[in-house]
Protein backbone atom coordinates (compact mmCIF):
# COMPACT_ATOMS: atom_id res chain seq x y z
CA MET A 1 48.01 56.22 62.77
CA THR A 2 50.64 56.56 60.05
CA TYR A 3 52.00 59.75 58.56
CA LYS A 4 54.98 61.01 56.57
CA ALA A 5 57.67 62.91 58.49
CA GLU A 6 60.44 65.13 57.21
CA PHE A 7 63.84 64.15 58.56
CA ARG A 8 67.14 65.96 58.11
CA VAL A 9 70.04 63.63 58.93
CA TRP A 10 73.77 64.33 59.02
CA ARG A 11 75.59 62.27 56.39
CA SER A 12 79.37 62.08 56.11
CA ALA A 13 80.95 62.82 52.76
CA GLY A 14 82.84 59.54 52.96
CA ALA A 15 83.99 56.82 55.35
CA ASN A 16 85.93 57.92 58.43
CA THR A 17 85.48 61.63 57.89
CA SER A 18 83.76 64.48 59.68
CA ASP A 19 83.07 66.28 56.41
CA GLY A 20 79.48 66.07 55.32
CA ALA A 21 76.09 67.75 55.17
CA LEU A 22 72.47 67.42 56.24
CA VAL A 23 70.40 65.29 53.87
CA ASP A 24 66.60 65.50 53.69
CA TYR A 25 64.42 62.39 53.82
CA THR A 26 60.67 61.77 53.87
CA VAL A 27 59.92 58.67 55.90
CA GLU A 28 56.89 56.85 57.25
CA VAL A 29 56.12 57.08 60.97
CA ASN A 30 53.83 54.71 62.86
CA GLU A 31 52.12 55.29 66.18
CA GLY A 32 54.28 54.60 69.24
CA GLU A 33 57.63 54.77 67.45
CA VAL A 34 60.83 56.46 68.61
CA VAL A 35 63.46 58.29 66.57
CA LEU A 36 65.69 55.20 66.45
CA ASP A 37 62.85 53.30 64.74
CA ILE A 38 62.81 55.94 62.02
CA ILE A 39 66.58 55.83 61.60
CA HIS A 40 66.36 52.06 61.19
CA ARG A 41 63.58 52.50 58.61
CA LEU A 42 65.81 54.91 56.71
CA GLN A 43 68.56 52.29 56.73
CA ALA A 44 66.16 49.65 55.43
CA THR A 45 64.47 51.70 52.71
CA GLN A 46 66.51 54.71 51.61
CA ALA A 47 69.99 54.88 53.13
CA GLY A 48 71.45 51.42 53.57
CA ASP A 49 74.90 52.81 54.40
CA LEU A 50 73.70 55.17 57.17
CA ALA A 51 75.89 54.60 60.24
CA VAL A 52 74.32 54.76 63.70
CA ARG A 53 75.46 53.22 66.97
CA TRP A 54 72.87 51.38 69.08
CA ASN A 55 72.50 48.25 71.20
CA CYS A 56 69.74 47.67 73.75
CA LYS A 57 67.00 50.01 72.43
CA ALA A 58 65.78 50.28 76.03
CA GLY A 59 67.60 53.36 77.32
CA LYS A 60 70.12 51.38 79.36
CA CYS A 61 73.24 51.03 77.22
CA GLY A 62 73.77 54.66 76.22
CA SER A 63 74.93 53.68 72.74
CA CYS A 64 72.45 55.63 70.58
CA SER A 65 73.40 59.08 71.82
CA ALA A 66 72.93 61.83 69.23
CA GLU A 67 71.41 65.28 68.91
CA VAL A 68 67.78 65.69 67.91
CA ASN A 69 66.84 69.22 66.91
CA GLY A 70 70.04 70.37 68.59
CA LYS A 71 69.42 68.72 71.95
CA PRO A 72 71.53 65.75 73.14
CA ARG A 73 69.22 62.75 73.50
CA LEU A 74 69.03 58.97 73.36
CA LEU A 75 67.45 58.10 70.01
CA CYS A 76 65.68 55.09 71.52
CA MET A 77 64.04 57.19 74.24
CA THR A 78 62.93 60.11 72.09
CA ARG A 79 59.32 59.46 71.09
CA MET A 80 58.03 60.73 67.79
CA SER A 81 54.85 61.84 69.56
CA THR A 82 56.83 64.69 71.12
CA PHE A 83 57.11 66.34 67.69
CA GLY A 84 54.43 67.80 65.47
CA GLU A 85 53.58 65.88 62.28
CA ASP A 86 54.60 68.90 60.18
CA GLU A 87 57.86 69.45 62.10
CA VAL A 88 61.21 68.88 60.42
CA ILE A 89 63.31 66.66 62.69
CA THR A 90 67.08 67.12 62.52
CA VAL A 91 69.35 64.30 63.70
CA THR A 92 73.06 65.03 64.05
CA PRO A 93 76.04 63.37 65.82
CA LEU A 94 77.29 64.44 69.24
CA ARG A 95 78.98 67.75 68.71
CA ALA A 96 81.71 67.52 71.35
CA PHE A 97 83.40 64.45 69.85
CA PRO A 98 85.01 63.70 66.47
CA VAL A 99 82.69 62.16 63.89
CA ILE A 100 83.69 58.72 62.63
CA ARG A 101 80.85 58.48 60.16
CA ASP A 102 77.30 59.85 59.94
CA LEU A 103 75.82 59.63 63.47
CA VAL A 104 78.72 57.67 65.01
CA THR A 105 81.29 59.61 67.03
CA ASP A 106 84.63 58.75 68.62
CA VAL A 107 84.03 58.92 72.39
CA SER A 108 87.43 57.49 73.39
CA TYR A 109 88.18 60.76 75.21
CA ASN A 110 85.82 59.55 77.94
CA TYR A 111 87.59 56.22 78.37
CA THR A 112 90.93 58.01 78.65
CA LYS A 113 89.54 60.17 81.45
CA ALA A 114 88.04 57.12 83.18
CA ARG A 115 91.42 55.38 83.32
CA GLN A 116 92.95 58.40 85.05
CA ILE A 117 90.72 58.14 88.12
CA PRO A 118 92.35 56.31 91.06
CA ALA A 119 90.44 53.12 91.79
CA PHE A 120 88.41 52.38 94.90
CA THR A 121 90.83 51.84 97.79
CA PRO A 122 89.51 49.75 100.73
CA PRO A 123 90.83 50.25 104.25
CA ALA A 124 93.99 48.37 105.16
CA GLY A 125 93.29 44.94 106.57
CA VAL A 126 89.79 44.66 105.07
CA ALA A 127 89.61 41.89 102.48
CA PRO A 128 87.02 41.55 99.68
CA GLY A 129 83.89 40.02 101.17
CA GLU A 130 84.48 41.71 104.51
CA TYR A 131 83.13 45.12 103.45
CA ARG A 132 80.31 46.20 105.77
CA MET A 133 78.38 49.46 105.68
CA GLN A 134 74.94 50.81 106.48
CA GLN A 135 72.46 51.63 103.73
CA ILE A 136 72.17 55.20 104.98
CA ASP A 137 75.89 55.64 104.31
CA VAL A 138 75.64 54.73 100.63
CA GLU A 139 72.29 56.22 99.60
CA ARG A 140 73.79 59.43 98.24
CA SER A 141 76.52 57.78 96.20
CA GLN A 142 74.17 55.07 94.88
CA GLU A 143 72.45 57.69 92.73
CA PHE A 144 75.62 58.12 90.69
CA ARG A 145 75.78 54.41 89.88
CA LYS A 146 72.70 54.80 87.68
CA CYS A 147 74.95 56.36 85.02
CA ILE A 148 74.71 54.45 81.71
CA GLU A 149 77.69 56.31 80.17
CA CYS A 150 75.71 57.75 77.29
CA PHE A 151 78.03 60.78 77.55
CA LEU A 152 75.20 63.21 76.86
CA CYS A 153 76.35 65.25 79.87
CA GLN A 154 79.88 65.31 78.46
CA ASN A 155 78.57 66.41 75.09
CA THR A 156 76.43 69.25 76.38
CA CYS A 157 79.08 70.65 78.75
CA HIS A 158 80.19 73.87 77.06
CA VAL A 159 83.66 73.66 78.67
CA VAL A 160 84.59 71.01 76.09
CA ARG A 161 81.73 71.41 73.60
CA ASP A 162 82.85 74.92 72.66
CA HIS A 163 86.53 74.68 73.64
CA GLU A 164 88.39 71.66 72.30
CA GLU A 165 91.58 72.95 73.91
CA ASN A 166 90.12 72.28 77.38
CA LYS A 167 89.89 68.51 76.95
CA PRO A 168 93.38 67.64 78.28
CA ALA A 169 92.71 69.44 81.58
CA PHE A 170 88.96 68.81 82.00
CA ALA A 171 87.36 65.45 82.82
CA GLY A 172 83.72 66.50 82.56
CA PRO A 173 80.54 65.87 84.58
CA ARG A 174 80.42 62.11 84.09
CA PHE A 175 83.75 61.75 85.88
CA PHE A 176 83.02 64.39 88.48
CA ILE A 177 80.21 62.16 89.71
CA ARG A 178 82.64 59.22 89.77
CA ALA A 179 85.02 61.23 91.96
CA ALA A 180 82.10 62.31 94.17
CA GLU A 181 80.85 58.73 94.44
CA LEU A 182 84.24 57.53 95.68
CA ASP A 183 84.67 60.53 97.97
CA MET A 184 81.29 59.75 99.59
CA HIS A 185 81.97 56.02 99.82
CA PRO A 186 82.25 55.08 103.51
CA LEU A 187 84.99 52.50 102.85
CA ASP A 188 87.17 54.38 100.39
CA ALA A 189 90.45 55.04 102.17
CA ARG A 190 92.06 57.29 99.57
CA GLU A 191 92.22 60.83 100.92
CA ASP A 192 92.99 62.86 97.79
CA ARG A 193 89.67 62.63 95.91
CA LYS A 194 88.88 66.33 96.38
CA ASP A 195 92.41 67.41 95.52
CA PHE A 196 92.38 65.11 92.49
CA ALA A 197 89.07 66.56 91.28
CA GLN A 198 90.45 70.07 91.55
CA ARG A 199 94.01 69.51 90.37
CA GLU A 200 93.70 66.70 87.80
CA GLN A 201 90.07 66.78 86.65
CA GLY A 202 89.71 70.54 86.29
CA MET A 203 86.59 70.84 88.44
CA GLY A 204 87.31 74.53 88.93
CA MET A 205 86.50 75.10 85.25
CA CYS A 206 82.90 74.01 85.80
CA ASN A 207 80.58 76.98 86.38
CA ILE A 208 77.55 74.84 87.34
CA THR A 209 75.13 75.86 84.58
CA LYS A 210 73.29 72.53 85.16
CA CYS A 211 73.10 71.75 81.45
CA CYS A 212 74.54 68.29 82.21
CA THR A 213 71.72 67.57 84.67
CA GLU A 214 69.10 68.67 82.15
CA VAL A 215 70.10 66.08 79.53
CA CYS A 216 70.75 63.10 81.84
CA PRO A 217 68.36 60.27 80.83
CA GLU A 218 68.72 58.70 84.28
CA HIS A 219 67.74 61.98 86.00
CA ILE A 220 70.90 62.05 88.10
CA LYS A 221 71.22 65.39 89.85
CA ILE A 222 74.80 65.78 88.65
CA THR A 223 75.24 69.40 89.61
CA ASP A 224 73.31 69.60 92.89
CA ASN A 225 74.33 66.25 94.38
CA ALA A 226 77.86 65.75 93.03
CA ILE A 227 79.61 68.79 91.58
CA ILE A 228 78.46 71.44 94.06
CA PRO A 229 79.21 69.27 97.16
CA MET A 230 82.66 68.45 95.77
CA LYS A 231 83.35 72.11 95.07
CA GLU A 232 82.30 72.97 98.62
CA ARG A 233 84.63 70.31 100.04
CA VAL A 234 87.51 71.65 97.94
CA VAL A 235 86.89 75.17 99.26
CA ASP A 236 86.68 73.90 102.86
CA THR A 237 89.90 71.95 102.51
CA LYS A 238 91.95 74.58 100.69
CA TYR A 239 90.61 77.93 101.82
CA ASP A 240 88.83 77.61 105.19
CA PRO A 241 91.25 79.15 107.75
CA LEU A 242 89.98 76.94 110.60
CA VAL A 243 90.51 73.78 108.55
CA TRP A 244 93.96 75.04 107.56
CA LEU A 245 94.84 75.75 111.20
CA GLY A 246 93.52 72.37 112.31
CA SER A 247 95.65 70.59 109.71
CA LYS A 248 98.74 72.42 110.99
CA ILE A 249 98.01 71.53 114.62
CA PHE A 250 97.34 67.89 113.73
CA ARG A 251 100.55 67.69 111.72
CA ARG A 252 102.53 69.23 114.59
CA SER A 253 101.14 66.74 117.11
């Protein structure tokens, strides 16, 4: 079945600028297509200079992140069948990051935050190839390795989405799960993951609204399985009087 759909797509006023406006298009839609198919058809038939980032078209590279009707989504995983035939579909770039052109944004903020995280630190005397652990010890942290770095969670987090000034002090949910993954790793010997998350990543600024979990295309339970447990560990370490007393006794001995 083929029908005509009304699309409203953000177009930059010129190259390398965030100035622009929404432009209306009427485009053909075929059965079984996704929003990225329609964007490609627009490129081929009406807007040859429309900029969009994409790669695998299989929901595994995270490249085609954008906002569809105001919700952060992967264009290649958003089926046209989820919209009514008479519905106007609005496609805009990720709001939390600077626009390079049209639907392409500058997500280098995320790579800067990634480089700030201390790397996995194996125990002393254990060489690569000698790592041994039980599956039960890694099941929780394995969930976080499903992340495809689409940065939809980063984009929807209101701490940076609505407050640009927070970016220097706030790493965001994608990197909270990285800190949690390393903190839960049975062979990671670095002891300051919780302190780093609180002091350097700004985890205390997160108020666990779960909006990051809602938009994750890999269905990672970012809030329940990573952020909340890390927050609890920070509280135990810093504010539990028994833990504090135990640390003093251990230090004295």
